Amino acid sequence: MYICVCKKITEGQLKDSFIKTDCNFNESQKTLGFSSKCGKCKSSVESLVKSIQFKK
């Protein structure tokens, strides 16, 4: 499922990036480019980060 439709970024891509960057939002954003156009995905991305952090 796409989380960021502007950049065609899937939930799986985001999870992989957050795991590699230890849930660093800014580093993952620089790498993938999510939330850089319309910004509609930002809250979904933040929720995903929180769920990954909770599982750790």
PDB file of N, CA and C in Angstrom:
ATOM      1  N   MET A   1       0.839  -1.183   0.000  1.00  0.00           N
ATOM      2  CA  MET A   1       0.000   0.000   0.000  1.00  0.00           C
ATOM      3  C   MET A   1       0.887   1.251   0.000  1.00  0.00           C
ATOM      4  N   TYR A   2       0.505   2.216  -0.810  1.00  0.00           N
ATOM      5  CA  TYR A   2       1.263   3.466  -0.845  1.00  0.00           C
ATOM      6  C   TYR A   2       0.933   4.323   0.374  1.00  0.00           C
ATOM      7  N   ILE A   3       1.969   4.813   1.014  1.00  0.00           N
ATOM      8  CA  ILE A   3       1.810   5.776   2.101  1.00  0.00           C
ATOM      9  C   ILE A   3       1.949   7.179   1.523  1.00  0.00           C
ATOM     10  N   CYS A   4       2.928   7.356   0.658  1.00  0.00           N
ATOM     11  CA  CYS A   4       3.133   8.637  -0.026  1.00  0.00           C
ATOM     12  C   CYS A   4       2.844   8.426  -1.512  1.00  0.00           C
ATOM     13  N   VAL A   5       1.682   8.900  -1.957  1.00  0.00           N
ATOM     14  CA  VAL A   5       1.307   8.701  -3.356  1.00  0.00           C
ATOM     15  C   VAL A   5       2.072   9.630  -4.289  1.00  0.00           C
ATOM     16  N   CYS A   6       2.489  10.776  -3.807  1.00  0.00           N
ATOM     17  CA  CYS A   6       3.244  11.719  -4.641  1.00  0.00           C
ATOM     18  C   CYS A   6       4.573  11.115  -5.103  1.00  0.00           C
ATOM     19  N   LYS A   7       5.235  10.420  -4.194  1.00  0.00           N
ATOM     20  CA  LYS A   7       6.552   9.831  -4.485  1.00  0.00           C
ATOM     21  C   LYS A   7       6.486   8.318  -4.697  1.00  0.00           C
ATOM     22  N   LYS A   8       5.256   7.761  -4.649  1.00  0.00           N
ATOM     23  CA  LYS A   8       5.034   6.322  -4.827  1.00  0.00           C
ATOM     24  C   LYS A   8       5.882   5.497  -3.859  1.00  0.00           C
ATOM     25  N   ILE A   9       5.761   5.829  -2.569  1.00  0.00           N
ATOM     26  CA  ILE A   9       6.520   5.149  -1.522  1.00  0.00           C
ATOM     27  C   ILE A   9       5.567   4.252  -0.740  1.00  0.00           C
ATOM     28  N   THR A  10       5.940   2.987  -0.642  1.00  0.00           N
ATOM     29  CA  THR A  10       5.089   2.014   0.037  1.00  0.00           C
ATOM     30  C   THR A  10       5.411   1.931   1.526  1.00  0.00           C
ATOM     31  N   GLU A  11       4.498   1.302   2.250  1.00  0.00           N
ATOM     32  CA  GLU A  11       4.700   1.089   3.680  1.00  0.00           C
ATOM     33  C   GLU A  11       5.956   0.250   3.915  1.00  0.00           C
ATOM     34  N   GLY A  12       6.177  -0.748   3.069  1.00  0.00           N
ATOM     35  CA  GLY A  12       7.360  -1.596   3.195  1.00  0.00           C
ATOM     36  C   GLY A  12       8.657  -0.825   3.016  1.00  0.00           C
ATOM     37  N   GLN A  13       8.690   0.066   2.038  1.00  0.00           N
ATOM     38  CA  GLN A  13       9.882   0.896   1.824  1.00  0.00           C
ATOM     39  C   GLN A  13      10.148   1.781   3.033  1.00  0.00           C
ATOM     40  N   LEU A  14       9.091   2.349   3.583  1.00  0.00           N
ATOM     41  CA  LEU A  14       9.247   3.199   4.765  1.00  0.00           C
ATOM     42  C   LEU A  14       9.756   2.398   5.956  1.00  0.00           C
ATOM     43  N   LYS A  15       9.169   1.224   6.184  1.00  0.00           N
ATOM     44  CA  LYS A  15       9.608   0.384   7.303  1.00  0.00           C
ATOM     45  C   LYS A  15      11.085   0.045   7.168  1.00  0.00           C
ATOM     46  N   ASP A  16      11.499  -0.367   5.969  1.00  0.00           N
ATOM     47  CA  ASP A  16      12.911  -0.700   5.741  1.00  0.00           C
ATOM     48  C   ASP A  16      13.811   0.488   6.033  1.00  0.00           C
ATOM     49  N   SER A  17      13.415   1.657   5.566  1.00  0.00           N
ATOM     50  CA  SER A  17      14.217   2.859   5.779  1.00  0.00           C
ATOM     51  C   SER A  17      14.302   3.219   7.253  1.00  0.00           C
ATOM     52  N   PHE A  18      13.184   3.127   7.957  1.00  0.00           N
ATOM     53  CA  PHE A  18      13.190   3.471   9.380  1.00  0.00           C
ATOM     54  C   PHE A  18      13.998   2.473  10.198  1.00  0.00           C
ATOM     55  N   ILE A  19      13.966   1.221   9.802  1.00  0.00           N
ATOM     56  CA  ILE A  19      14.774   0.222  10.508  1.00  0.00           C
ATOM     57  C   ILE A  19      16.261   0.503  10.284  1.00  0.00           C
ATOM     58  N   LYS A  20      16.625   0.854   9.049  1.00  0.00           N
ATOM     59  CA  LYS A  20      18.031   1.152   8.731  1.00  0.00           C
ATOM     60  C   LYS A  20      18.531   2.413   9.431  1.00  0.00           C
ATOM     61  N   THR A  21      17.647   3.386   9.628  1.00  0.00           N
ATOM     62  CA  THR A  21      18.065   4.665  10.224  1.00  0.00           C
ATOM     63  C   THR A  21      17.689   4.770  11.696  1.00  0.00           C
ATOM     64  N   ASP A  22      17.311   3.652  12.302  1.00  0.00           N
ATOM     65  CA  ASP A  22      16.899   3.623  13.711  1.00  0.00           C
ATOM     66  C   ASP A  22      15.759   4.618  13.967  1.00  0.00           C
ATOM     67  N   CYS A  23      14.775   4.595  13.092  1.00  0.00           N
ATOM     68  CA  CYS A  23      13.557   5.421  13.180  1.00  0.00           C
ATOM     69  C   CYS A  23      13.840   6.922  13.119  1.00  0.00           C
ATOM     70  N   ASN A  24      14.839   7.300  12.370  1.00  0.00           N
ATOM     71  CA  ASN A  24      15.164   8.714  12.207  1.00  0.00           C
ATOM     72  C   ASN A  24      14.312   9.289  11.070  1.00  0.00           C
ATOM     73  N   PHE A  25      13.298  10.082  11.436  1.00  0.00           N
ATOM     74  CA  PHE A  25      12.365  10.647  10.460  1.00  0.00           C
ATOM     75  C   PHE A  25      13.097  11.490   9.418  1.00  0.00           C
ATOM     76  N   ASN A  26      13.946  12.405   9.865  1.00  0.00           N
ATOM     77  CA  ASN A  26      14.620  13.326   8.942  1.00  0.00           C
ATOM     78  C   ASN A  26      15.552  12.605   7.980  1.00  0.00           C
ATOM     79  N   GLU A  27      16.288  11.622   8.480  1.00  0.00           N
ATOM     80  CA  GLU A  27      17.212  10.879   7.621  1.00  0.00           C
ATOM     81  C   GLU A  27      16.449  10.074   6.571  1.00  0.00           C
ATOM     82  N   SER A  28      15.375   9.429   6.989  1.00  0.00           N
ATOM     83  CA  SER A  28      14.559   8.666   6.046  1.00  0.00           C
ATOM     84  C   SER A  28      13.882   9.588   5.035  1.00  0.00           C
ATOM     85  N   GLN A  29      13.471  10.759   5.480  1.00  0.00           N
ATOM     86  CA  GLN A  29      12.838  11.718   4.577  1.00  0.00           C
ATOM     87  C   GLN A  29      13.829  12.193   3.516  1.00  0.00           C
ATOM     88  N   LYS A  30      15.066  12.433   3.911  1.00  0.00           N
ATOM     89  CA  LYS A  30      16.095  12.840   2.941  1.00  0.00           C
ATOM     90  C   LYS A  30      16.331  11.747   1.910  1.00  0.00           C
ATOM     91  N   THR A  31      16.349  10.502   2.369  1.00  0.00           N
ATOM     92  CA  THR A  31      16.623   9.374   1.484  1.00  0.00           C
ATOM     93  C   THR A  31      15.472   9.098   0.525  1.00  0.00           C
ATOM     94  N   LEU A  32      14.251   9.042   1.048  1.00  0.00           N
ATOM     95  CA  LEU A  32      13.098   8.654   0.236  1.00  0.00           C
ATOM     96  C   LEU A  32      12.332   9.831  -0.359  1.00  0.00           C
ATOM     97  N   GLY A  33      12.336  10.962   0.305  1.00  0.00           N
ATOM     98  CA  GLY A  33      11.648  12.141  -0.209  1.00  0.00           C
ATOM     99  C   GLY A  33      10.175  12.237   0.140  1.00  0.00           C
ATOM    100  N   PHE A  34       9.699  11.409   1.076  1.00  0.00           N
ATOM    101  CA  PHE A  34       8.286  11.484   1.449  1.00  0.00           C
ATOM    102  C   PHE A  34       7.982  12.811   2.137  1.00  0.00           C
ATOM    103  N   SER A  35       6.737  13.196   2.095  1.00  0.00           N
ATOM    104  CA  SER A  35       6.246  14.420   2.746  1.00  0.00           C
ATOM    105  C   SER A  35       6.967  15.677   2.267  1.00  0.00           C
ATOM    106  N   SER A  36       7.404  15.647   1.010  1.00  0.00           N
ATOM    107  CA  SER A  36       8.123  16.805   0.480  1.00  0.00           C
ATOM    108  C   SER A  36       7.322  17.558  -0.584  1.00  0.00           C
ATOM    109  N   LYS A  37       6.171  17.021  -0.955  1.00  0.00           N
ATOM    110  CA  LYS A  37       5.328  17.706  -1.938  1.00  0.00           C
ATOM    111  C   LYS A  37       4.071  18.234  -1.265  1.00  0.00           C
ATOM    112  N   CYS A  38       3.044  17.407  -1.164  1.00  0.00           N
ATOM    113  CA  CYS A  38       1.767  17.892  -0.612  1.00  0.00           C
ATOM    114  C   CYS A  38       1.697  17.781   0.911  1.00  0.00           C
ATOM    115  N   GLY A  39       2.469  16.866   1.499  1.00  0.00           N
ATOM    116  CA  GLY A  39       2.501  16.723   2.955  1.00  0.00           C
ATOM    117  C   GLY A  39       1.386  15.891   3.559  1.00  0.00           C
ATOM    118  N   LYS A  40       0.489  15.353   2.726  1.00  0.00           N
ATOM    119  CA  LYS A  40      -0.641  14.582   3.250  1.00  0.00           C
ATOM    120  C   LYS A  40      -0.213  13.290   3.937  1.00  0.00           C
ATOM    121  N   CYS A  41       0.952  12.777   3.617  1.00  0.00           N
ATOM    122  CA  CYS A  41       1.391  11.503   4.185  1.00  0.00           C
ATOM    123  C   CYS A  41       2.099  11.660   5.526  1.00  0.00           C
ATOM    124  N   LYS A  42       2.395  12.866   5.930  1.00  0.00           N
ATOM    125  CA  LYS A  42       3.213  13.080   7.125  1.00  0.00           C
ATOM    126  C   LYS A  42       2.634  12.407   8.365  1.00  0.00           C
ATOM    127  N   SER A  43       1.349  12.539   8.606  1.00  0.00           N
ATOM    128  CA  SER A  43       0.767  11.931   9.810  1.00  0.00           C
ATOM    129  C   SER A  43       0.810  10.408   9.739  1.00  0.00           C
ATOM    130  N   SER A  44       0.614   9.840   8.555  1.00  0.00           N
ATOM    131  CA  SER A  44       0.702   8.383   8.401  1.00  0.00           C
ATOM    132  C   SER A  44       2.120   7.895   8.635  1.00  0.00           C
ATOM    133  N   VAL A  45       3.086   8.646   8.130  1.00  0.00           N
ATOM    134  CA  VAL A  45       4.491   8.286   8.322  1.00  0.00           C
ATOM    135  C   VAL A  45       4.855   8.373   9.802  1.00  0.00           C
ATOM    136  N   GLU A  46       4.419   9.409  10.476  1.00  0.00           N
ATOM    137  CA  GLU A  46       4.709   9.563  11.906  1.00  0.00           C
ATOM    138  C   GLU A  46       4.093   8.423  12.713  1.00  0.00           C
ATOM    139  N   SER A  47       2.891   8.003  12.356  1.00  0.00           N
ATOM    140  CA  SER A  47       2.248   6.872  13.035  1.00  0.00           C
ATOM    141  C   SER A  47       3.029   5.582  12.818  1.00  0.00           C
ATOM    142  N   LEU A  48       3.535   5.406  11.610  1.00  0.00           N
ATOM    143  CA  LEU A  48       4.333   4.224  11.300  1.00  0.00           C
ATOM    144  C   LEU A  48       5.614   4.200  12.123  1.00  0.00           C
ATOM    145  N   VAL A  49       6.266   5.341  12.254  1.00  0.00           N
ATOM    146  CA  VAL A  49       7.484   5.433  13.068  1.00  0.00           C
ATOM    147  C   VAL A  49       7.175   5.051  14.514  1.00  0.00           C
ATOM    148  N   LYS A  50       6.093   5.574  15.044  1.00  0.00           N
ATOM    149  CA  LYS A  50       5.724   5.272  16.433  1.00  0.00           C
ATOM    150  C   LYS A  50       5.451   3.786  16.621  1.00  0.00           C
ATOM    151  N   SER A  51       4.804   3.161  15.650  1.00  0.00           N
ATOM    152  CA  SER A  51       4.512   1.730  15.777  1.00  0.00           C
ATOM    153  C   SER A  51       5.792   0.900  15.719  1.00  0.00           C
ATOM    154  N   ILE A  52       6.750   1.312  14.908  1.00  0.00           N
ATOM    155  CA  ILE A  52       8.032   0.601  14.832  1.00  0.00           C
ATOM    156  C   ILE A  52       8.803   0.786  16.130  1.00  0.00           C
ATOM    157  N   GLN A  53       8.815   1.997  16.655  1.00  0.00           N
ATOM    158  CA  GLN A  53       9.516   2.269  17.911  1.00  0.00           C
ATOM    159  C   GLN A  53       8.896   1.479  19.056  1.00  0.00           C
ATOM    160  N   PHE A  54       7.580   1.345  19.060  1.00  0.00           N
ATOM    161  CA  PHE A  54       6.881   0.626  20.119  1.00  0.00           C
ATOM    162  C   PHE A  54       7.265  -0.851  20.122  1.00  0.00           C
ATOM    163  N   LYS A  55       7.480  -1.414  18.926  1.00  0.00           N
ATOM    164  CA  LYS A  55       7.816  -2.834  18.802  1.00  0.00           C
ATOM    165  C   LYS A  55       9.237  -3.142  19.247  1.00  0.00           C
ATOM    166  N   LYS A  56      10.080  -2.126  19.321  1.00  0.00           N
ATOM    167  CA  LYS A  56      11.482  -2.354  19.696  1.00  0.00           C
ATOM    168  C   LYS A  56      11.619  -2.667  21.150  1.00  0.00           C
TER     169      LYS A  56
END
